[in-house]
Amino acid sequence: MAAWDNSPRKKNPSIYLGSSPPIYEKWLRNTIAWTRQRHLPEEQLVFVFAWNEWAEGAILEPDSYFGRQYLEATARAVDPDRAVSYIPCDEFTLDRASHALDAEQRLSRNGITLPPCYSTTHKIESLYISSDTITIEGWVVDEDSTFSSIQLILLDGDEEIARSYASIYRPDVAGKFGLPGLKSGFKVHLVYQCEDPTKLSFYAITSDLASAQLYSGTGALVR
């Protein structure tokens, strides 16, 4: 399941917190592998709870915070060769937990400036910006919290235009940091008419809500 909290309905509730698309994807991959190892092909069934249990937080359908990322995580878990994580870029992405740049060009979340993170290591491996398309590919690691999800925020000027997670398994990066289960890779792609590429910026947000700039639209890749 994606998450669960039935405390409004139960005196002794069951609560599972901290869900995110990368964590859910890891759980589903492991569950599928376990099922394939222990059951005959005709008995290899995995049930995911649930499509839209909004009251309890067990949600796979697109919402205003994660967009379609739970569905994309499901597709990647079922097909391990599907190693692409696309940023959803429509009305689902921008309603909750909005991000922007403050007057000093620092990333803010719901109007509160996020502290800088000095423990991230990253590499932008490819960057393509045309009149109607943006694609960014690379990896990012928070060396102080290597098993936590890292959120990615793309901005045009001081306005957020899309978000995603580092959710692709990169064996080369995992081996470099000695962490076999590390999900550090990303490939974000969206159709977007960018009038001034120099105003684009790309940020990572760590699990403790600190931010690090991964790319500045000045033309140089921020290392």
C-alpha atoms as a PDB file:
ATOM      1  CA  MET A   1       0.000   0.000   0.000  1.00  0.00           C
ATOM      2  CA  ALA A   2       1.055   3.574  -0.503  1.00  0.00           C
ATOM      3  CA  ALA A   3       0.290   4.743   3.069  1.00  0.00           C
ATOM      4  CA  TRP A   4      -2.285   4.275   5.825  1.00  0.00           C
ATOM      5  CA  ASP A   5      -3.724   6.249   8.735  1.00  0.00           C
ATOM      6  CA  ASN A   6      -7.154   5.302  10.097  1.00  0.00           C
ATOM      7  CA  SER A   7      -6.841   7.265  13.335  1.00  0.00           C
ATOM      8  CA  PRO A   8      -9.983   9.369  12.615  1.00  0.00           C
ATOM      9  CA  ARG A   9     -12.048   6.146  12.557  1.00  0.00           C
ATOM     10  CA  LYS A  10     -10.352   3.826  15.047  1.00  0.00           C
ATOM     11  CA  LYS A  11      -9.628   4.118  18.767  1.00  0.00           C
ATOM     12  CA  ASN A  12      -6.484   1.995  18.323  1.00  0.00           C
ATOM     13  CA  PRO A  13      -5.400   2.941  14.810  1.00  0.00           C
ATOM     14  CA  SER A  14      -2.799   1.487  12.472  1.00  0.00           C
ATOM     15  CA  ILE A  15      -0.566   4.216  11.062  1.00  0.00           C
ATOM     16  CA  TYR A  16       2.124   3.936   8.371  1.00  0.00           C
ATOM     17  CA  LEU A  17       3.855   7.239   7.705  1.00  0.00           C
ATOM     18  CA  GLY A  18       6.655   8.492   5.464  1.00  0.00           C
ATOM     19  CA  SER A  19       5.421   7.143   2.152  1.00  0.00           C
ATOM     20  CA  SER A  20       6.845   8.500  -1.087  1.00  0.00           C
ATOM     21  CA  PRO A  21       6.945   7.199  -4.675  1.00  0.00           C
ATOM     22  CA  PRO A  22      10.550   5.903  -4.345  1.00  0.00           C
ATOM     23  CA  ILE A  23       9.800   4.077  -1.073  1.00  0.00           C
ATOM     24  CA  TYR A  24       6.600   2.618  -2.506  1.00  0.00           C
ATOM     25  CA  GLU A  25       8.453   1.540  -5.663  1.00  0.00           C
ATOM     26  CA  LYS A  26      11.112  -0.259  -3.597  1.00  0.00           C
ATOM     27  CA  TRP A  27       8.417  -2.056  -1.569  1.00  0.00           C
ATOM     28  CA  LEU A  28       6.540  -3.105  -4.709  1.00  0.00           C
ATOM     29  CA  ARG A  29       9.712  -4.341  -6.465  1.00  0.00           C
ATOM     30  CA  ASN A  30      10.590  -6.474  -3.433  1.00  0.00           C
ATOM     31  CA  THR A  31       7.037  -7.789  -3.139  1.00  0.00           C
ATOM     32  CA  ILE A  32       6.952  -8.756  -6.821  1.00  0.00           C
ATOM     33  CA  ALA A  33      10.332 -10.499  -6.533  1.00  0.00           C
ATOM     34  CA  TRP A  34       9.191 -12.378  -3.407  1.00  0.00           C
ATOM     35  CA  THR A  35       5.992 -13.474  -5.160  1.00  0.00           C
ATOM     36  CA  ARG A  36       7.835 -14.719  -8.254  1.00  0.00           C
ATOM     37  CA  GLN A  37      10.234 -16.754  -6.132  1.00  0.00           C
ATOM     38  CA  ARG A  38       7.569 -18.479  -4.044  1.00  0.00           C
ATOM     39  CA  HIS A  39       4.552 -19.019  -6.301  1.00  0.00           C
ATOM     40  CA  LEU A  40       3.718 -20.722  -9.573  1.00  0.00           C
ATOM     41  CA  PRO A  41       3.193 -18.394 -12.548  1.00  0.00           C
ATOM     42  CA  GLU A  42      -0.592 -18.759 -12.384  1.00  0.00           C
ATOM     43  CA  GLU A  43      -0.489 -17.795  -8.696  1.00  0.00           C
ATOM     44  CA  GLN A  44       1.789 -14.781  -8.996  1.00  0.00           C
ATOM     45  CA  LEU A  45      -0.639 -12.066  -7.957  1.00  0.00           C
ATOM     46  CA  VAL A  46       0.157  -8.854  -6.083  1.00  0.00           C
ATOM     47  CA  PHE A  47      -2.627  -6.647  -4.753  1.00  0.00           C
ATOM     48  CA  VAL A  48      -1.909  -2.981  -4.062  1.00  0.00           C
ATOM     49  CA  PHE A  49      -4.084  -1.079  -1.622  1.00  0.00           C
ATOM     50  CA  ALA A  50      -5.573   1.225  -2.803  1.00  0.00           C
ATOM     51  CA  TRP A  51      -6.565   3.311  -5.778  1.00  0.00           C
ATOM     52  CA  ASN A  52      -8.294   6.134  -3.893  1.00  0.00           C
ATOM     53  CA  GLU A  53      -8.667   5.587  -0.130  1.00  0.00           C
ATOM     54  CA  TRP A  54      -8.316   9.317   0.426  1.00  0.00           C
ATOM     55  CA  ALA A  55      -9.514   9.309   4.034  1.00  0.00           C
ATOM     56  CA  GLU A  56      -6.722   6.925   5.079  1.00  0.00           C
ATOM     57  CA  GLY A  57      -4.039   8.186   2.671  1.00  0.00           C
ATOM     58  CA  ALA A  58      -3.759   4.998   0.597  1.00  0.00           C
ATOM     59  CA  ILE A  59      -3.748   6.688  -2.796  1.00  0.00           C
ATOM     60  CA  LEU A  60      -2.341   5.674  -6.179  1.00  0.00           C
ATOM     61  CA  GLU A  61      -4.385   7.898  -8.468  1.00  0.00           C
ATOM     62  CA  PRO A  62      -2.932  11.306  -9.418  1.00  0.00           C
ATOM     63  CA  ASP A  63      -3.145  13.986  -6.753  1.00  0.00           C
ATOM     64  CA  SER A  64      -2.075  17.607  -6.299  1.00  0.00           C
ATOM     65  CA  TYR A  65       1.241  16.807  -4.594  1.00  0.00           C
ATOM     66  CA  PHE A  66       2.821  13.816  -6.379  1.00  0.00           C
ATOM     67  CA  GLY A  67       1.001  14.050  -9.706  1.00  0.00           C
ATOM     68  CA  ARG A  68       1.257  10.660 -11.485  1.00  0.00           C
ATOM     69  CA  GLN A  69       4.415   9.528  -9.703  1.00  0.00           C
ATOM     70  CA  TYR A  70       2.816   6.597  -7.813  1.00  0.00           C
ATOM     71  CA  LEU A  71       1.521   5.226 -11.110  1.00  0.00           C
ATOM     72  CA  GLU A  72       4.919   5.715 -12.749  1.00  0.00           C
ATOM     73  CA  ALA A  73       6.575   3.970  -9.782  1.00  0.00           C
ATOM     74  CA  THR A  74       4.143   1.064 -10.212  1.00  0.00           C
ATOM     75  CA  ALA A  75       5.042   0.773 -13.902  1.00  0.00           C
ATOM     76  CA  ARG A  76       8.780   0.745 -13.145  1.00  0.00           C
ATOM     77  CA  ALA A  77       8.370  -1.864 -10.394  1.00  0.00           C
ATOM     78  CA  VAL A  78       6.467  -4.173 -12.745  1.00  0.00           C
ATOM     79  CA  ASP A  79       8.938  -3.566 -15.601  1.00  0.00           C
ATOM     80  CA  PRO A  80      12.492  -3.112 -14.217  1.00  0.00           C
ATOM     81  CA  ASP A  81      13.724  -1.975 -17.627  1.00  0.00           C
ATOM     82  CA  ARG A  82      11.500   1.091 -17.427  1.00  0.00           C
ATOM     83  CA  ALA A  83      14.239   3.349 -16.060  1.00  0.00           C
ATOM     84  CA  VAL A  84      12.713   6.751 -16.748  1.00  0.00           C
ATOM     85  CA  SER A  85      11.200   9.098 -14.193  1.00  0.00           C
ATOM     86  CA  TYR A  86       9.210  11.860 -15.855  1.00  0.00           C
ATOM     87  CA  ILE A  87       8.123  14.990 -14.065  1.00  0.00           C
ATOM     88  CA  PRO A  88       4.349  15.415 -14.350  1.00  0.00           C
ATOM     89  CA  CYS A  89       3.727  18.909 -15.662  1.00  0.00           C
ATOM     90  CA  ASP A  90       0.057  19.738 -15.481  1.00  0.00           C
ATOM     91  CA  GLU A  91      -2.495  20.944 -12.938  1.00  0.00           C
ATOM     92  CA  PHE A  92      -1.746  18.020 -10.630  1.00  0.00           C
ATOM     93  CA  THR A  93       1.692  19.309  -9.655  1.00  0.00           C
ATOM     94  CA  LEU A  94       1.286  22.842  -8.416  1.00  0.00           C
ATOM     95  CA  ASP A  95      -1.516  23.026  -5.858  1.00  0.00           C
ATOM     96  CA  ARG A  96       0.116  21.940  -2.597  1.00  0.00           C
ATOM     97  CA  ALA A  97       3.492  22.743  -0.988  1.00  0.00           C
ATOM     98  CA  SER A  98       4.384  25.376  -3.559  1.00  0.00           C
ATOM     99  CA  HIS A  99       8.030  26.336  -4.073  1.00  0.00           C
ATOM    100  CA  ALA A 100       9.493  29.612  -5.263  1.00  0.00           C
ATOM    101  CA  LEU A 101      12.629  31.753  -4.995  1.00  0.00           C
ATOM    102  CA  ASP A 102      12.765  34.463  -2.368  1.00  0.00           C
ATOM    103  CA  ALA A 103      14.203  37.953  -2.835  1.00  0.00           C
ATOM    104  CA  GLU A 104      17.741  36.600  -2.349  1.00  0.00           C
ATOM    105  CA  GLN A 105      17.201  33.775  -4.870  1.00  0.00           C
ATOM    106  CA  ARG A 106      16.968  31.083  -2.195  1.00  0.00           C
ATOM    107  CA  LEU A 107      14.416  28.295  -2.478  1.00  0.00           C
ATOM    108  CA  SER A 108      11.316  28.664  -0.310  1.00  0.00           C
ATOM    109  CA  ARG A 109       8.524  26.212   0.489  1.00  0.00           C
ATOM    110  CA  ASN A 110       5.085  27.670   1.213  1.00  0.00           C
ATOM    111  CA  GLY A 111       6.717  31.045   1.823  1.00  0.00           C
ATOM    112  CA  ILE A 112       9.403  29.763   4.226  1.00  0.00           C
ATOM    113  CA  THR A 113      13.007  29.910   3.013  1.00  0.00           C
ATOM    114  CA  LEU A 114      14.705  26.520   3.165  1.00  0.00           C
ATOM    115  CA  PRO A 115      18.172  26.295   4.734  1.00  0.00           C
ATOM    116  CA  PRO A 116      21.040  25.340   2.425  1.00  0.00           C
ATOM    117  CA  CYS A 117      22.233  21.738   2.306  1.00  0.00           C
ATOM    118  CA  TYR A 118      25.998  21.231   2.159  1.00  0.00           C
ATOM    119  CA  SER A 119      25.982  17.419   2.143  1.00  0.00           C
ATOM    120  CA  THR A 120      24.679  16.752  -1.373  1.00  0.00           C
ATOM    121  CA  THR A 121      26.820  15.466  -4.212  1.00  0.00           C
ATOM    122  CA  HIS A 122      25.406  15.484  -7.715  1.00  0.00           C
ATOM    123  CA  LYS A 123      26.103  15.482 -11.408  1.00  0.00           C
ATOM    124  CA  ILE A 124      24.039  16.828 -14.288  1.00  0.00           C
ATOM    125  CA  GLU A 125      24.942  14.417 -17.086  1.00  0.00           C
ATOM    126  CA  SER A 126      22.770  15.808 -19.871  1.00  0.00           C
ATOM    127  CA  LEU A 127      20.703  18.932 -20.326  1.00  0.00           C
ATOM    128  CA  TYR A 128      18.482  19.791 -23.274  1.00  0.00           C
ATOM    129  CA  ILE A 129      16.394  22.954 -23.517  1.00  0.00           C
ATOM    130  CA  SER A 130      14.485  23.804 -26.672  1.00  0.00           C
ATOM    131  CA  SER A 131      11.638  26.181 -27.379  1.00  0.00           C
ATOM    132  CA  ASP A 132       9.078  23.654 -26.137  1.00  0.00           C
ATOM    133  CA  THR A 133      10.946  20.870 -24.277  1.00  0.00           C
ATOM    134  CA  ILE A 134      13.170  20.537 -21.202  1.00  0.00           C
ATOM    135  CA  THR A 135      15.091  17.363 -20.337  1.00  0.00           C
ATOM    136  CA  ILE A 136      17.545  17.019 -17.437  1.00  0.00           C
ATOM    137  CA  GLU A 137      19.353  13.795 -16.553  1.00  0.00           C
ATOM    138  CA  GLY A 138      21.819  12.959 -13.795  1.00  0.00           C
ATOM    139  CA  TRP A 139      22.079  11.876 -10.182  1.00  0.00           C
ATOM    140  CA  VAL A 140      22.092  13.362  -6.676  1.00  0.00           C
ATOM    141  CA  VAL A 141      23.023  11.965  -3.253  1.00  0.00           C
ATOM    142  CA  ASP A 142      22.613  13.365   0.252  1.00  0.00           C
ATOM    143  CA  GLU A 143      25.688  11.951   1.982  1.00  0.00           C
ATOM    144  CA  ASP A 144      24.214  12.659   5.433  1.00  0.00           C
ATOM    145  CA  SER A 145      21.010  10.730   4.734  1.00  0.00           C
ATOM    146  CA  THR A 146      21.688   8.310   1.912  1.00  0.00           C
ATOM    147  CA  PHE A 147      18.494   6.258   2.153  1.00  0.00           C
ATOM    148  CA  SER A 148      16.055   9.181   2.201  1.00  0.00           C
ATOM    149  CA  SER A 149      14.095  10.426  -0.780  1.00  0.00           C
ATOM    150  CA  ILE A 150      15.331  13.548  -2.542  1.00  0.00           C
ATOM    151  CA  GLN A 151      12.730  15.751  -4.161  1.00  0.00           C
ATOM    152  CA  LEU A 152      13.554  17.704  -7.324  1.00  0.00           C
ATOM    153  CA  ILE A 153      12.129  21.138  -8.091  1.00  0.00           C
ATOM    154  CA  LEU A 154      12.351  22.920 -11.437  1.00  0.00           C
ATOM    155  CA  LEU A 155      11.684  26.647 -11.567  1.00  0.00           C
ATOM    156  CA  ASP A 156      11.310  29.261 -14.274  1.00  0.00           C
ATOM    157  CA  GLY A 157      12.323  32.523 -12.662  1.00  0.00           C
ATOM    158  CA  ASP A 158      10.840  32.408  -9.169  1.00  0.00           C
ATOM    159  CA  GLU A 159       7.914  30.146 -10.167  1.00  0.00           C
ATOM    160  CA  GLU A 160       7.811  26.372  -9.773  1.00  0.00           C
ATOM    161  CA  ILE A 161       6.935  24.612 -13.014  1.00  0.00           C
ATOM    162  CA  ALA A 162       7.446  20.936 -12.110  1.00  0.00           C
ATOM    163  CA  ARG A 163       8.711  18.484  -9.484  1.00  0.00           C
ATOM    164  CA  SER A 164       9.837  14.889  -9.204  1.00  0.00           C
ATOM    165  CA  TYR A 165      12.078  12.567  -7.165  1.00  0.00           C
ATOM    166  CA  ALA A 166      15.463  10.947  -7.627  1.00  0.00           C
ATOM    167  CA  SER A 167      13.981   7.489  -8.176  1.00  0.00           C
ATOM    168  CA  ILE A 168      16.180   5.623 -10.670  1.00  0.00           C
ATOM    169  CA  TYR A 169      18.585   2.984  -9.393  1.00  0.00           C
ATOM    170  CA  ARG A 170      22.110   3.834 -10.545  1.00  0.00           C
ATOM    171  CA  PRO A 171      24.493   0.927  -9.830  1.00  0.00           C
ATOM    172  CA  ASP A 172      27.519   3.081 -10.689  1.00  0.00           C
ATOM    173  CA  VAL A 173      26.592   5.742  -8.145  1.00  0.00           C
ATOM    174  CA  ALA A 174      25.555   3.162  -5.550  1.00  0.00           C
ATOM    175  CA  GLY A 175      28.892   1.421  -5.944  1.00  0.00           C
ATOM    176  CA  LYS A 176      30.798   4.681  -5.661  1.00  0.00           C
ATOM    177  CA  PHE A 177      29.190   5.458  -2.325  1.00  0.00           C
ATOM    178  CA  GLY A 178      29.106   1.845  -1.134  1.00  0.00           C
ATOM    179  CA  LEU A 179      25.307   1.780  -0.931  1.00  0.00           C
ATOM    180  CA  PRO A 180      23.795  -1.046  -3.020  1.00  0.00           C
ATOM    181  CA  GLY A 181      20.191   0.067  -2.492  1.00  0.00           C
ATOM    182  CA  LEU A 182      20.691   3.727  -3.286  1.00  0.00           C
ATOM    183  CA  LYS A 183      18.163   5.377  -5.642  1.00  0.00           C
ATOM    184  CA  SER A 184      19.958   8.459  -6.895  1.00  0.00           C
ATOM    185  CA  GLY A 185      19.253   8.854 -10.606  1.00  0.00           C
ATOM    186  CA  PHE A 186      16.755  11.066 -12.347  1.00  0.00           C
ATOM    187  CA  LYS A 187      15.642  11.850 -15.865  1.00  0.00           C
ATOM    188  CA  VAL A 188      13.071  14.613 -15.948  1.00  0.00           C
ATOM    189  CA  HIS A 189      11.319  15.634 -19.123  1.00  0.00           C
ATOM    190  CA  LEU A 190       8.469  18.000 -19.762  1.00  0.00           C
ATOM    191  CA  VAL A 191       6.867  19.885 -22.597  1.00  0.00           C
ATOM    192  CA  TYR A 192       7.211  23.530 -21.659  1.00  0.00           C
ATOM    193  CA  GLN A 193       7.670  26.743 -23.603  1.00  0.00           C
ATOM    194  CA  CYS A 194      10.685  28.368 -22.001  1.00  0.00           C
ATOM    195  CA  GLU A 195      11.020  31.968 -23.107  1.00  0.00           C
ATOM    196  CA  ASP A 196      14.346  32.606 -21.358  1.00  0.00           C
ATOM    197  CA  PRO A 197      16.517  29.540 -20.510  1.00  0.00           C
ATOM    198  CA  THR A 198      18.776  31.673 -18.317  1.00  0.00           C
ATOM    199  CA  LYS A 199      15.920  31.934 -15.804  1.00  0.00           C
ATOM    200  CA  LEU A 200      15.656  28.165 -15.283  1.00  0.00           C
ATOM    201  CA  SER A 201      16.970  26.640 -12.052  1.00  0.00           C
ATOM    202  CA  PHE A 202      16.911  23.126 -10.642  1.00  0.00           C
ATOM    203  CA  TYR A 203      16.962  22.287  -6.924  1.00  0.00           C
ATOM    204  CA  ALA A 204      17.096  19.257  -4.672  1.00  0.00           C
ATOM    205  CA  ILE A 205      15.225  19.120  -1.355  1.00  0.00           C
ATOM    206  CA  THR A 206      16.463  16.633   1.225  1.00  0.00           C
ATOM    207  CA  SER A 207      14.373  14.726   3.760  1.00  0.00           C
ATOM    208  CA  ASP A 208      15.111  17.335   6.447  1.00  0.00           C
ATOM    209  CA  LEU A 209      13.860  20.122   4.133  1.00  0.00           C
ATOM    210  CA  ALA A 210      17.189  21.643   3.205  1.00  0.00           C
ATOM    211  CA  SER A 211      17.849  22.692  -0.386  1.00  0.00           C
ATOM    212  CA  ALA A 212      20.742  22.518  -2.807  1.00  0.00           C
ATOM    213  CA  GLN A 213      20.932  24.079  -6.245  1.00  0.00           C
ATOM    214  CA  LEU A 214      21.797  21.550  -8.948  1.00  0.00           C
ATOM    215  CA  TYR A 215      21.593  23.795 -11.978  1.00  0.00           C
ATOM    216  CA  SER A 216      21.561  27.485 -12.717  1.00  0.00           C
ATOM    217  CA  GLY A 217      20.288  28.774 -16.038  1.00  0.00           C
ATOM    218  CA  THR A 218      23.298  30.980 -16.529  1.00  0.00           C
ATOM    219  CA  GLY A 219      24.602  28.273 -18.846  1.00  0.00           C
ATOM    220  CA  ALA A 220      27.061  26.623 -16.482  1.00  0.00           C
ATOM    221  CA  LEU A 221      26.239  23.338 -14.767  1.00  0.00           C
ATOM    222  CA  VAL A 222      26.356  23.850 -10.995  1.00  0.00           C
ATOM    223  CA  ARG A 223      28.546  21.184  -9.395  1.00  0.00           C
END
